[in-house]
Structures are given as C-alpha cells and as structure tokens.
Amino acid sequence: MNPVLLLESERERPVSAMNELRPLELQVAKLSADVENIKDDIAEIKVNLRRLDDKIESKIDALRADFSSAKVWALGLYFGLAGSMLFVMAKGFKWI
C-alpha cells in the first residue's frame, strides 16, 4: 500500500488515542498469558527431564555392575583358555 494514501485515509477519519490503546492492551494481556503458559510448559519439561535423568542414571549404574561382573567372567575365561593351551603344548612337547 502506498504510504501517501495511508496518510490521506488517516486524515479523513480521526482516531482517538484510547481506541488505539485498547487493542494494544489486549495484545499485551494475550502475550503475558502466553508467556505464563510457556513458563508452565518449561517447568513441566524440567520435571520430566529430571525424572528421565534419574532413570538413565539407574540404568547406567546397572550397566556398570554388569560390566564389572563381565570383566571377572572374561578374566576367568582368559585364564582357563591360557591354561588349557599351555596344557596342550606341554602334552605336545612331551613335557608332561
């Protein structure tokens, strides 16, 4: 729209300052309500993240326990394999 035409149309019908402020006040009230809703949503998201963090931590702790038991099992398997290999070599070389 041409700015000159806009200015001419504004001259034709006078607008009071109060009429201009009312829509602005309504918009500000709506924005503040939207901000409150966003704050509530963020608070809910934070609570959900804390719960999820606790669940993940418990699963990580369980995995640490599983890995430590797996390490013991793997060391036992390694020593068993090494012992059996040495036994076979000793039999092959007629050391035993």
N, C-alpha and C. Protein backbone atom coordinates (compact mmCIF):
# COMPACT_ATOMS: atom_id res chain seq x y z
N MET A 1 0.84 -1.16 0.00
CA MET A 1 0.00 0.00 0.00
C MET A 1 0.89 1.23 0.00
N ASN A 2 0.44 2.24 -0.68
CA ASN A 2 1.21 3.47 -0.81
C ASN A 2 1.12 4.26 0.50
N PRO A 3 2.26 4.69 1.08
CA PRO A 3 2.22 5.42 2.34
C PRO A 3 1.48 6.75 2.26
N VAL A 4 1.50 7.36 1.10
CA VAL A 4 0.80 8.63 0.94
C VAL A 4 -0.69 8.40 1.06
N LEU A 5 -1.18 7.33 0.44
CA LEU A 5 -2.61 7.03 0.53
C LEU A 5 -3.00 6.69 1.97
N LEU A 6 -2.14 6.05 2.67
CA LEU A 6 -2.42 5.70 4.05
C LEU A 6 -2.54 6.95 4.90
N LEU A 7 -1.66 7.89 4.68
CA LEU A 7 -1.72 9.12 5.44
C LEU A 7 -2.97 9.91 5.11
N GLU A 8 -3.39 9.93 3.84
CA GLU A 8 -4.62 10.63 3.47
C GLU A 8 -5.82 9.97 4.11
N SER A 9 -5.86 8.65 4.18
CA SER A 9 -7.00 7.98 4.79
C SER A 9 -7.04 8.23 6.29
N GLU A 10 -5.88 8.39 6.91
CA GLU A 10 -5.84 8.70 8.33
C GLU A 10 -6.36 10.11 8.60
N ARG A 11 -6.14 11.01 7.68
CA ARG A 11 -6.64 12.38 7.85
C ARG A 11 -8.15 12.42 7.73
N GLU A 12 -8.71 11.56 6.91
CA GLU A 12 -10.15 11.59 6.68
C GLU A 12 -10.93 11.16 7.91
N ARG A 13 -10.49 10.18 8.64
CA ARG A 13 -11.22 9.74 9.83
C ARG A 13 -10.31 9.83 11.04
N PRO A 14 -10.64 10.67 11.97
CA PRO A 14 -9.82 10.81 13.16
C PRO A 14 -10.01 9.60 14.08
N VAL A 15 -8.91 9.16 14.66
CA VAL A 15 -8.92 8.02 15.57
C VAL A 15 -8.45 8.51 16.93
N SER A 16 -9.23 8.20 17.94
CA SER A 16 -8.83 8.65 19.27
C SER A 16 -7.70 7.78 19.79
N ALA A 17 -6.94 8.32 20.72
CA ALA A 17 -5.80 7.60 21.28
C ALA A 17 -6.26 6.42 22.11
N MET A 18 -7.42 6.51 22.74
CA MET A 18 -7.95 5.42 23.56
C MET A 18 -8.29 4.21 22.71
N ASN A 19 -8.84 4.41 21.53
CA ASN A 19 -9.17 3.30 20.64
C ASN A 19 -7.93 2.57 20.18
N GLU A 20 -6.82 3.30 20.04
CA GLU A 20 -5.58 2.65 19.63
C GLU A 20 -4.95 1.87 20.78
N LEU A 21 -5.13 2.32 22.02
CA LEU A 21 -4.53 1.66 23.16
C LEU A 21 -5.25 0.38 23.54
N ARG A 22 -6.55 0.30 23.33
CA ARG A 22 -7.30 -0.89 23.73
C ARG A 22 -6.81 -2.15 23.02
N PRO A 23 -6.65 -2.15 21.70
CA PRO A 23 -6.11 -3.36 21.07
C PRO A 23 -4.69 -3.67 21.54
N LEU A 24 -3.93 -2.63 21.81
CA LEU A 24 -2.58 -2.84 22.31
C LEU A 24 -2.61 -3.48 23.69
N GLU A 25 -3.49 -3.03 24.56
CA GLU A 25 -3.62 -3.62 25.88
C GLU A 25 -4.07 -5.07 25.79
N LEU A 26 -4.98 -5.34 24.86
CA LEU A 26 -5.45 -6.72 24.67
C LEU A 26 -4.31 -7.61 24.18
N GLN A 27 -3.51 -7.08 23.28
CA GLN A 27 -2.38 -7.86 22.78
C GLN A 27 -1.35 -8.11 23.87
N VAL A 28 -1.10 -7.11 24.71
CA VAL A 28 -0.15 -7.28 25.80
C VAL A 28 -0.68 -8.31 26.80
N ALA A 29 -1.97 -8.26 27.10
CA ALA A 29 -2.56 -9.24 28.02
C ALA A 29 -2.48 -10.64 27.43
N LYS A 30 -2.74 -10.76 26.14
CA LYS A 30 -2.66 -12.07 25.50
C LYS A 30 -1.21 -12.58 25.51
N LEU A 31 -0.26 -11.71 25.23
CA LEU A 31 1.14 -12.11 25.25
C LEU A 31 1.59 -12.52 26.64
N SER A 32 1.15 -11.80 27.65
CA SER A 32 1.54 -12.18 29.01
C SER A 32 0.92 -13.52 29.40
N ALA A 33 -0.31 -13.79 28.95
CA ALA A 33 -0.91 -15.09 29.21
C ALA A 33 -0.14 -16.19 28.47
N ASP A 34 0.29 -15.89 27.26
CA ASP A 34 1.07 -16.87 26.51
C ASP A 34 2.41 -17.13 27.19
N VAL A 35 3.02 -16.09 27.73
CA VAL A 35 4.30 -16.25 28.43
C VAL A 35 4.10 -17.12 29.66
N GLU A 36 3.03 -16.92 30.38
CA GLU A 36 2.75 -17.75 31.56
C GLU A 36 2.57 -19.21 31.16
N ASN A 37 1.86 -19.45 30.06
CA ASN A 37 1.69 -20.82 29.58
C ASN A 37 3.03 -21.44 29.19
N ILE A 38 3.88 -20.66 28.57
CA ILE A 38 5.21 -21.15 28.18
C ILE A 38 6.03 -21.48 29.41
N LYS A 39 5.95 -20.62 30.44
CA LYS A 39 6.67 -20.89 31.69
C LYS A 39 6.19 -22.19 32.32
N ASP A 40 4.87 -22.41 32.32
CA ASP A 40 4.34 -23.65 32.88
C ASP A 40 4.83 -24.86 32.10
N ASP A 41 4.84 -24.73 30.76
CA ASP A 41 5.32 -25.84 29.93
C ASP A 41 6.80 -26.12 30.18
N ILE A 42 7.59 -25.09 30.34
CA ILE A 42 9.02 -25.27 30.60
C ILE A 42 9.24 -25.94 31.94
N ALA A 43 8.45 -25.54 32.95
CA ALA A 43 8.57 -26.17 34.26
C ALA A 43 8.22 -27.66 34.18
N GLU A 44 7.20 -27.99 33.41
CA GLU A 44 6.83 -29.39 33.23
C GLU A 44 7.92 -30.17 32.50
N ILE A 45 8.53 -29.55 31.51
CA ILE A 45 9.62 -30.20 30.77
C ILE A 45 10.81 -30.44 31.69
N LYS A 46 11.10 -29.47 32.57
CA LYS A 46 12.21 -29.65 33.50
C LYS A 46 11.96 -30.82 34.44
N VAL A 47 10.73 -30.95 34.93
CA VAL A 47 10.40 -32.07 35.81
C VAL A 47 10.57 -33.39 35.07
N ASN A 48 10.09 -33.45 33.83
CA ASN A 48 10.22 -34.67 33.04
C ASN A 48 11.69 -35.01 32.77
N LEU A 49 12.51 -34.00 32.52
CA LEU A 49 13.93 -34.24 32.29
C LEU A 49 14.62 -34.77 33.54
N ARG A 50 14.23 -34.25 34.70
CA ARG A 50 14.82 -34.76 35.94
C ARG A 50 14.45 -36.22 36.15
N ARG A 51 13.20 -36.56 35.88
CA ARG A 51 12.78 -37.96 36.02
C ARG A 51 13.54 -38.84 35.05
N LEU A 52 13.68 -38.38 33.82
CA LEU A 52 14.40 -39.14 32.81
C LEU A 52 15.87 -39.29 33.19
N ASP A 53 16.45 -38.25 33.74
CA ASP A 53 17.84 -38.30 34.18
C ASP A 53 18.01 -39.35 35.28
N ASP A 54 17.07 -39.40 36.21
CA ASP A 54 17.15 -40.41 37.27
C ASP A 54 17.05 -41.83 36.70
N LYS A 55 16.17 -42.01 35.72
CA LYS A 55 16.03 -43.34 35.10
C LYS A 55 17.31 -43.74 34.37
N ILE A 56 17.88 -42.80 33.66
CA ILE A 56 19.11 -43.09 32.91
C ILE A 56 20.24 -43.41 33.86
N GLU A 57 20.34 -42.65 34.95
CA GLU A 57 21.40 -42.90 35.94
C GLU A 57 21.26 -44.30 36.53
N SER A 58 20.02 -44.72 36.82
CA SER A 58 19.84 -46.06 37.39
C SER A 58 20.24 -47.13 36.38
N LYS A 59 19.91 -46.91 35.08
CA LYS A 59 20.31 -47.89 34.06
C LYS A 59 21.81 -47.92 33.89
N ILE A 60 22.48 -46.74 34.01
CA ILE A 60 23.93 -46.69 33.88
C ILE A 60 24.59 -47.42 35.05
N ASP A 61 24.03 -47.24 36.25
CA ASP A 61 24.57 -47.95 37.41
C ASP A 61 24.42 -49.46 37.24
N ALA A 62 23.29 -49.89 36.68
CA ALA A 62 23.10 -51.32 36.44
C ALA A 62 24.11 -51.83 35.41
N LEU A 63 24.38 -51.04 34.39
CA LEU A 63 25.36 -51.43 33.37
C LEU A 63 26.77 -51.52 33.95
N ARG A 64 27.09 -50.60 34.86
CA ARG A 64 28.41 -50.65 35.49
C ARG A 64 28.57 -51.95 36.26
N ALA A 65 27.54 -52.35 36.98
CA ALA A 65 27.60 -53.61 37.73
C ALA A 65 27.74 -54.79 36.77
N ASP A 66 26.99 -54.76 35.66
CA ASP A 66 27.09 -55.84 34.67
C ASP A 66 28.47 -55.91 34.05
N PHE A 67 29.06 -54.76 33.73
CA PHE A 67 30.39 -54.75 33.13
C PHE A 67 31.44 -55.26 34.10
N SER A 68 31.31 -54.90 35.36
CA SER A 68 32.30 -55.39 36.32
C SER A 68 32.21 -56.91 36.48
N SER A 69 30.98 -57.44 36.46
CA SER A 69 30.86 -58.91 36.54
C SER A 69 31.34 -59.55 35.24
N ALA A 70 31.15 -58.88 34.11
CA ALA A 70 31.63 -59.40 32.83
C ALA A 70 33.16 -59.41 32.79
N LYS A 71 33.78 -58.42 33.42
CA LYS A 71 35.24 -58.40 33.46
C LYS A 71 35.77 -59.60 34.23
N VAL A 72 35.15 -59.90 35.36
CA VAL A 72 35.58 -61.05 36.15
C VAL A 72 35.39 -62.33 35.35
N TRP A 73 34.25 -62.44 34.65
CA TRP A 73 33.97 -63.62 33.85
C TRP A 73 34.98 -63.73 32.71
N ALA A 74 35.30 -62.60 32.05
CA ALA A 74 36.26 -62.63 30.94
C ALA A 74 37.66 -63.00 31.42
N LEU A 75 38.06 -62.51 32.58
CA LEU A 75 39.37 -62.89 33.11
C LEU A 75 39.42 -64.39 33.42
N GLY A 76 38.35 -64.91 34.00
CA GLY A 76 38.29 -66.35 34.26
C GLY A 76 38.38 -67.15 32.97
N LEU A 77 37.68 -66.71 31.94
CA LEU A 77 37.72 -67.39 30.65
C LEU A 77 39.12 -67.31 30.05
N TYR A 78 39.76 -66.14 30.17
CA TYR A 78 41.10 -65.97 29.63
C TYR A 78 42.09 -66.91 30.32
N PHE A 79 42.05 -66.96 31.65
CA PHE A 79 42.97 -67.84 32.37
C PHE A 79 42.69 -69.31 32.06
N GLY A 80 41.42 -69.65 31.90
CA GLY A 80 41.08 -71.03 31.54
C GLY A 80 41.60 -71.39 30.16
N LEU A 81 41.44 -70.48 29.21
CA LEU A 81 41.93 -70.71 27.85
C LEU A 81 43.46 -70.80 27.83
N ALA A 82 44.11 -69.89 28.53
CA ALA A 82 45.57 -69.91 28.57
C ALA A 82 46.08 -71.18 29.23
N GLY A 83 45.43 -71.60 30.31
CA GLY A 83 45.85 -72.83 30.99
C GLY A 83 45.67 -74.06 30.12
N SER A 84 44.52 -74.09 29.41
CA SER A 84 44.31 -75.26 28.54
C SER A 84 45.29 -75.26 27.37
N MET A 85 45.62 -74.08 26.84
CA MET A 85 46.59 -74.00 25.75
C MET A 85 47.98 -74.47 26.23
N LEU A 86 48.37 -74.03 27.42
CA LEU A 86 49.66 -74.47 27.96
C LEU A 86 49.65 -75.97 28.22
N PHE A 87 48.54 -76.51 28.67
CA PHE A 87 48.44 -77.95 28.90
C PHE A 87 48.60 -78.73 27.60
N VAL A 88 47.93 -78.26 26.53
CA VAL A 88 48.04 -78.92 25.23
C VAL A 88 49.47 -78.82 24.71
N MET A 89 50.12 -77.66 24.88
CA MET A 89 51.50 -77.50 24.43
C MET A 89 52.44 -78.42 25.23
N ALA A 90 52.19 -78.52 26.51
CA ALA A 90 53.03 -79.39 27.35
C ALA A 90 52.87 -80.84 26.94
N LYS A 91 51.67 -81.27 26.61
CA LYS A 91 51.45 -82.64 26.13
C LYS A 91 52.10 -82.84 24.79
N GLY A 92 51.98 -81.83 23.90
CA GLY A 92 52.57 -81.94 22.56
C GLY A 92 54.07 -82.02 22.59
N PHE A 93 54.71 -81.24 23.44
CA PHE A 93 56.15 -81.26 23.55
C PHE A 93 56.66 -82.33 24.53
N LYS A 94 55.75 -83.12 25.02
CA LYS A 94 56.05 -84.21 25.94
C LYS A 94 56.76 -83.75 27.21
N TRP A 95 56.28 -82.57 27.71
CA TRP A 95 56.79 -82.09 28.98
C TRP A 95 56.09 -82.77 30.13
N ILE A 96 54.91 -83.26 29.85
CA ILE A 96 54.14 -83.93 30.90
C ILE A 96 53.97 -85.40 30.54
